[in-house]
Amino acid sequence: MGTHMNQSDDVWKNYMKIRSLEELFEELLTHPSIETGKPLFIGEILMMALLHEDWNAAEVCLKRLIQIGSCIDNSFAYGAIIEYLDAWVGCKNQDCQIEITAKEPINGLKWLLTNGADMTLRMSFLPIHYATTNSLNVCLTELLTHGACPNWIDRFDDNNTPIMETIEFNNLEGVKILVQWGGANKEIVNTYGENIYDIASKNPNKEILSYLKSNIQEQSR
């Protein structure tokens, strides 16, 4: 998680012993080293609340952010959605002490989208590209439902579209979702001059190429 928590490690280390996230939230806000970076620290607690699906604590954080004139995305270095998805995947891969049992972080994502989080803010990936590369297909559908562009060209990642990433990471279900949402324009090429057919032809899973040839003829006309 964010490196800004280093300022108050003595408080943060109490997390595993604290009785509730709300109590940790109040303790952090009264810590003398926090005042200048208050939105960022609220963001840390918000992240913990979302990972634990503690909606009461999340609402407390949201209200406090509004009170101090900040917003969800200003509480994270790269934006709330991408950092949340990344933290969830990290916990799922046992990179932290939070036990994750759900197959996808859909509940927290819905909460963020409902409360105004920005889908255009990025870490190394945009949220929609991150969802495709990690096979978060329910989350992918949710992002599309909330207006994410299915043919979003990522200028910072070799001009790949979401479906290009989906093909490369062998996510057939994600490919099907993006085709259904009009995200399979065969005229778009990446930095290397490759379109979706070119990328699919290099994938050992020939079912992806076969599916594309059978289902995207109408999208590029």
Protein backbone atom coordinates (compact mmCIF):
# COMPACT_ATOMS: atom_id res chain seq x y z
CA MET A 1 0.00 0.00 0.00
CA GLY A 2 0.92 3.68 -0.04
CA THR A 3 4.34 4.63 1.27
CA HIS A 4 2.90 7.68 3.02
CA MET A 5 1.87 5.45 5.90
CA ASN A 6 5.53 5.33 6.95
CA GLN A 7 5.03 8.60 8.84
CA SER A 8 2.77 6.91 11.36
CA ASP A 9 3.96 3.32 11.49
CA ASP A 10 3.53 3.36 15.27
CA VAL A 11 -0.20 3.91 14.76
CA TRP A 12 -0.60 1.79 11.65
CA LYS A 13 0.98 -1.25 13.29
CA ASN A 14 -1.90 -1.20 15.74
CA TYR A 15 -4.24 -2.13 12.92
CA MET A 16 -4.21 -5.86 13.63
CA LYS A 17 -5.04 -5.16 17.29
CA ILE A 18 -7.65 -2.43 16.76
CA ARG A 19 -11.27 -3.15 17.60
CA SER A 20 -12.69 -1.54 14.46
CA LEU A 21 -11.67 0.40 11.39
CA GLU A 22 -13.59 3.39 12.69
CA GLU A 23 -11.39 3.42 15.80
CA LEU A 24 -8.24 3.21 13.71
CA PHE A 25 -9.59 6.00 11.53
CA GLU A 26 -10.08 8.32 14.49
CA GLU A 27 -6.70 7.40 15.96
CA LEU A 28 -4.93 8.18 12.71
CA LEU A 29 -6.68 11.52 12.31
CA THR A 30 -5.53 12.65 15.74
CA HIS A 31 -1.93 11.58 15.19
CA PRO A 32 0.31 14.69 14.99
CA SER A 33 2.15 13.63 11.81
CA ILE A 34 -0.99 13.26 9.75
CA GLU A 35 -2.41 16.77 9.38
CA THR A 36 -0.63 17.75 6.15
CA GLY A 37 -1.44 14.47 4.39
CA LYS A 38 -4.89 13.90 5.82
CA PRO A 39 -6.63 12.88 2.55
CA LEU A 40 -3.94 10.28 1.90
CA PHE A 41 -4.31 8.76 5.33
CA ILE A 42 -8.08 8.71 5.01
CA GLY A 43 -7.50 6.92 1.72
CA GLU A 44 -5.49 4.23 3.50
CA ILE A 45 -8.35 3.56 5.89
CA LEU A 46 -10.82 3.66 3.03
CA MET A 47 -8.74 1.03 1.25
CA MET A 48 -8.75 -1.21 4.32
CA ALA A 49 -12.51 -0.73 4.64
CA LEU A 50 -13.09 -1.74 1.02
CA LEU A 51 -10.82 -4.76 1.24
CA HIS A 52 -12.71 -5.89 4.35
CA GLU A 53 -16.04 -4.88 2.76
CA ASP A 54 -16.70 -2.76 5.84
CA TRP A 55 -19.19 -0.36 4.25
CA ASN A 56 -19.86 1.57 7.46
CA ALA A 57 -16.19 2.46 7.78
CA ALA A 58 -16.06 3.32 4.08
CA GLU A 59 -18.95 5.74 4.48
CA VAL A 60 -17.22 7.37 7.45
CA CYS A 61 -14.12 7.92 5.33
CA LEU A 62 -16.14 9.28 2.41
CA LYS A 63 -17.98 11.77 4.62
CA ARG A 64 -14.72 12.95 6.17
CA LEU A 65 -13.15 13.46 2.76
CA ILE A 66 -16.11 15.58 1.69
CA GLN A 67 -15.85 17.60 4.91
CA ILE A 68 -12.24 18.53 4.24
CA GLY A 69 -12.95 19.40 0.60
CA SER A 70 -11.22 16.39 -0.90
CA CYS A 71 -12.44 13.46 -2.97
CA ILE A 72 -11.85 9.73 -3.22
CA ASP A 73 -9.27 9.93 -5.99
CA ASN A 74 -7.23 12.66 -4.28
CA SER A 75 -6.71 10.21 -1.44
CA PHE A 76 -4.58 7.89 -3.58
CA ALA A 77 -1.41 8.42 -5.55
CA TYR A 78 -2.84 6.87 -8.73
CA GLY A 79 -6.60 6.99 -8.26
CA ALA A 80 -8.93 4.93 -6.12
CA ILE A 81 -10.11 2.32 -8.64
CA ILE A 82 -6.74 1.20 -9.96
CA GLU A 83 -5.16 1.15 -6.49
CA TYR A 84 -8.11 -0.78 -5.08
CA LEU A 85 -7.99 -3.41 -7.85
CA ASP A 86 -4.23 -3.71 -7.43
CA ALA A 87 -4.46 -4.03 -3.63
CA TRP A 88 -7.19 -6.66 -3.96
CA VAL A 89 -5.16 -8.73 -6.43
CA GLY A 90 -2.15 -8.45 -4.12
CA CYS A 91 -4.18 -9.72 -1.17
CA LYS A 92 -5.65 -12.48 -3.31
CA ASN A 93 -2.11 -13.53 -4.13
CA GLN A 94 -1.33 -13.51 -0.38
CA ASP A 95 0.89 -10.44 -0.51
CA CYS A 96 -0.77 -9.08 2.65
CA GLN A 97 -2.47 -10.36 5.78
CA ILE A 98 -6.05 -9.76 4.65
CA GLU A 99 -7.93 -12.93 3.75
CA ILE A 100 -9.73 -12.57 0.43
CA THR A 101 -12.40 -15.15 -0.36
CA ALA A 102 -14.41 -13.52 -3.16
CA LYS A 103 -13.53 -14.36 -6.76
CA GLU A 104 -13.50 -10.70 -7.81
CA PRO A 105 -13.47 -7.31 -6.03
CA ILE A 106 -16.84 -6.38 -7.49
CA ASN A 107 -18.51 -4.99 -4.36
CA GLY A 108 -15.75 -2.51 -3.62
CA LEU A 109 -15.56 -1.52 -7.29
CA LYS A 110 -19.30 -0.83 -7.38
CA TRP A 111 -18.96 1.28 -4.23
CA LEU A 112 -16.17 3.36 -5.77
CA LEU A 113 -17.98 3.86 -9.06
CA THR A 114 -21.20 4.82 -7.28
CA ASN A 115 -19.32 7.38 -5.19
CA GLY A 116 -17.58 9.15 -8.04
CA ALA A 117 -14.19 7.43 -8.49
CA ASP A 118 -12.51 8.23 -11.82
CA MET A 119 -12.00 5.39 -14.33
CA THR A 120 -9.40 7.37 -16.30
CA LEU A 121 -6.73 7.49 -13.57
CA ARG A 122 -3.94 4.99 -13.98
CA MET A 123 -1.06 3.21 -12.33
CA SER A 124 0.86 1.22 -14.94
CA PHE A 125 -2.50 0.25 -16.47
CA LEU A 126 -5.83 1.97 -16.82
CA PRO A 127 -8.53 0.24 -14.73
CA ILE A 128 -10.18 -1.41 -17.73
CA HIS A 129 -6.83 -2.76 -18.97
CA TYR A 130 -5.95 -3.93 -15.47
CA ALA A 131 -9.23 -5.83 -15.24
CA THR A 132 -8.59 -7.60 -18.53
CA THR A 133 -4.99 -8.59 -17.75
CA ASN A 134 -6.02 -10.05 -14.39
CA SER A 135 -9.13 -11.83 -15.73
CA LEU A 136 -11.41 -9.72 -13.52
CA ASN A 137 -14.24 -10.22 -15.96
CA VAL A 138 -17.14 -9.26 -13.69
CA CYS A 139 -15.25 -6.05 -12.91
CA LEU A 140 -14.64 -5.53 -16.62
CA THR A 141 -18.38 -5.67 -17.27
CA GLU A 142 -19.01 -3.26 -14.40
CA LEU A 143 -16.49 -0.75 -15.77
CA LEU A 144 -18.07 -0.97 -19.21
CA THR A 145 -21.52 -0.54 -17.70
CA HIS A 146 -20.33 2.68 -16.05
CA GLY A 147 -19.01 4.09 -19.31
CA ALA A 148 -15.47 2.81 -19.77
CA CYS A 149 -14.55 2.91 -23.47
CA PRO A 150 -14.28 -0.67 -24.83
CA ASN A 151 -11.73 0.47 -27.45
CA TRP A 152 -9.66 2.61 -25.09
CA ILE A 153 -6.19 2.97 -26.62
CA ASP A 154 -3.56 3.05 -23.89
CA ARG A 155 -0.89 5.45 -25.13
CA PHE A 156 1.40 4.44 -22.27
CA ASP A 157 1.18 0.71 -23.01
CA ASP A 158 2.13 0.27 -26.67
CA ASN A 159 -1.21 1.70 -27.84
CA ASN A 160 -2.99 -1.50 -26.85
CA THR A 161 -6.76 -1.64 -26.51
CA PRO A 162 -8.40 -3.68 -23.73
CA ILE A 163 -9.09 -6.60 -26.04
CA MET A 164 -5.47 -6.70 -27.16
CA GLU A 165 -4.43 -7.12 -23.53
CA THR A 166 -7.19 -9.66 -23.02
CA ILE A 167 -5.95 -11.75 -25.94
CA GLU A 168 -2.33 -11.53 -24.84
CA PHE A 169 -3.26 -12.74 -21.35
CA ASN A 170 -5.33 -15.61 -22.76
CA ASN A 171 -8.59 -14.38 -21.23
CA LEU A 172 -11.21 -15.82 -23.60
CA GLU A 173 -14.14 -14.83 -21.39
CA GLY A 174 -12.88 -11.25 -21.36
CA VAL A 175 -12.59 -11.34 -25.16
CA LYS A 176 -16.23 -12.41 -25.41
CA ILE A 177 -17.33 -9.59 -23.10
CA LEU A 178 -15.45 -6.96 -25.08
CA VAL A 179 -16.79 -8.27 -28.40
CA GLN A 180 -20.31 -7.97 -27.02
CA TRP A 181 -19.59 -4.36 -25.99
CA GLY A 182 -18.16 -3.39 -29.37
CA GLY A 183 -14.57 -3.50 -28.20
CA ALA A 184 -13.09 -5.52 -31.07
CA ASN A 185 -12.20 -3.06 -33.81
CA LYS A 186 -9.86 -4.92 -36.14
CA GLU A 187 -8.74 -1.66 -37.79
CA ILE A 188 -6.91 -0.47 -34.64
CA VAL A 189 -3.22 -1.37 -34.48
CA ASN A 190 -0.78 -1.06 -31.59
CA THR A 191 2.73 0.41 -31.58
CA TYR A 192 4.03 -2.68 -33.37
CA GLY A 193 1.45 -2.48 -36.16
CA GLU A 194 -0.49 -5.46 -34.83
CA ASN A 195 -4.26 -5.71 -34.86
CA ILE A 196 -6.30 -8.13 -32.79
CA TYR A 197 -5.95 -10.91 -35.39
CA ASP A 198 -2.18 -10.57 -35.38
CA ILE A 199 -2.03 -10.79 -31.60
CA ALA A 200 -4.47 -13.71 -31.47
CA SER A 201 -2.52 -15.62 -34.11
CA LYS A 202 0.48 -15.69 -31.73
CA ASN A 203 -1.58 -17.06 -28.86
CA PRO A 204 -1.35 -20.86 -28.47
CA ASN A 205 -5.04 -20.85 -27.56
CA LYS A 206 -6.48 -20.97 -31.07
CA GLU A 207 -10.01 -20.80 -29.69
CA ILE A 208 -9.53 -17.03 -29.25
CA LEU A 209 -8.64 -16.45 -32.91
CA SER A 210 -11.49 -18.68 -34.02
CA TYR A 211 -13.94 -16.80 -31.83
CA LEU A 212 -12.78 -13.42 -33.17
CA LYS A 213 -13.10 -14.48 -36.80
CA SER A 214 -16.60 -15.76 -36.17
CA ASN A 215 -17.91 -12.78 -34.19
CA ILE A 216 -16.37 -9.42 -35.10
CA GLN A 217 -17.08 -9.01 -38.81
CA GLU A 218 -19.76 -6.40 -38.21
CA GLN A 219 -17.82 -4.18 -35.79
CA SER A 220 -15.34 -2.66 -38.22
CA ARG A 221 -17.71 -1.84 -41.06
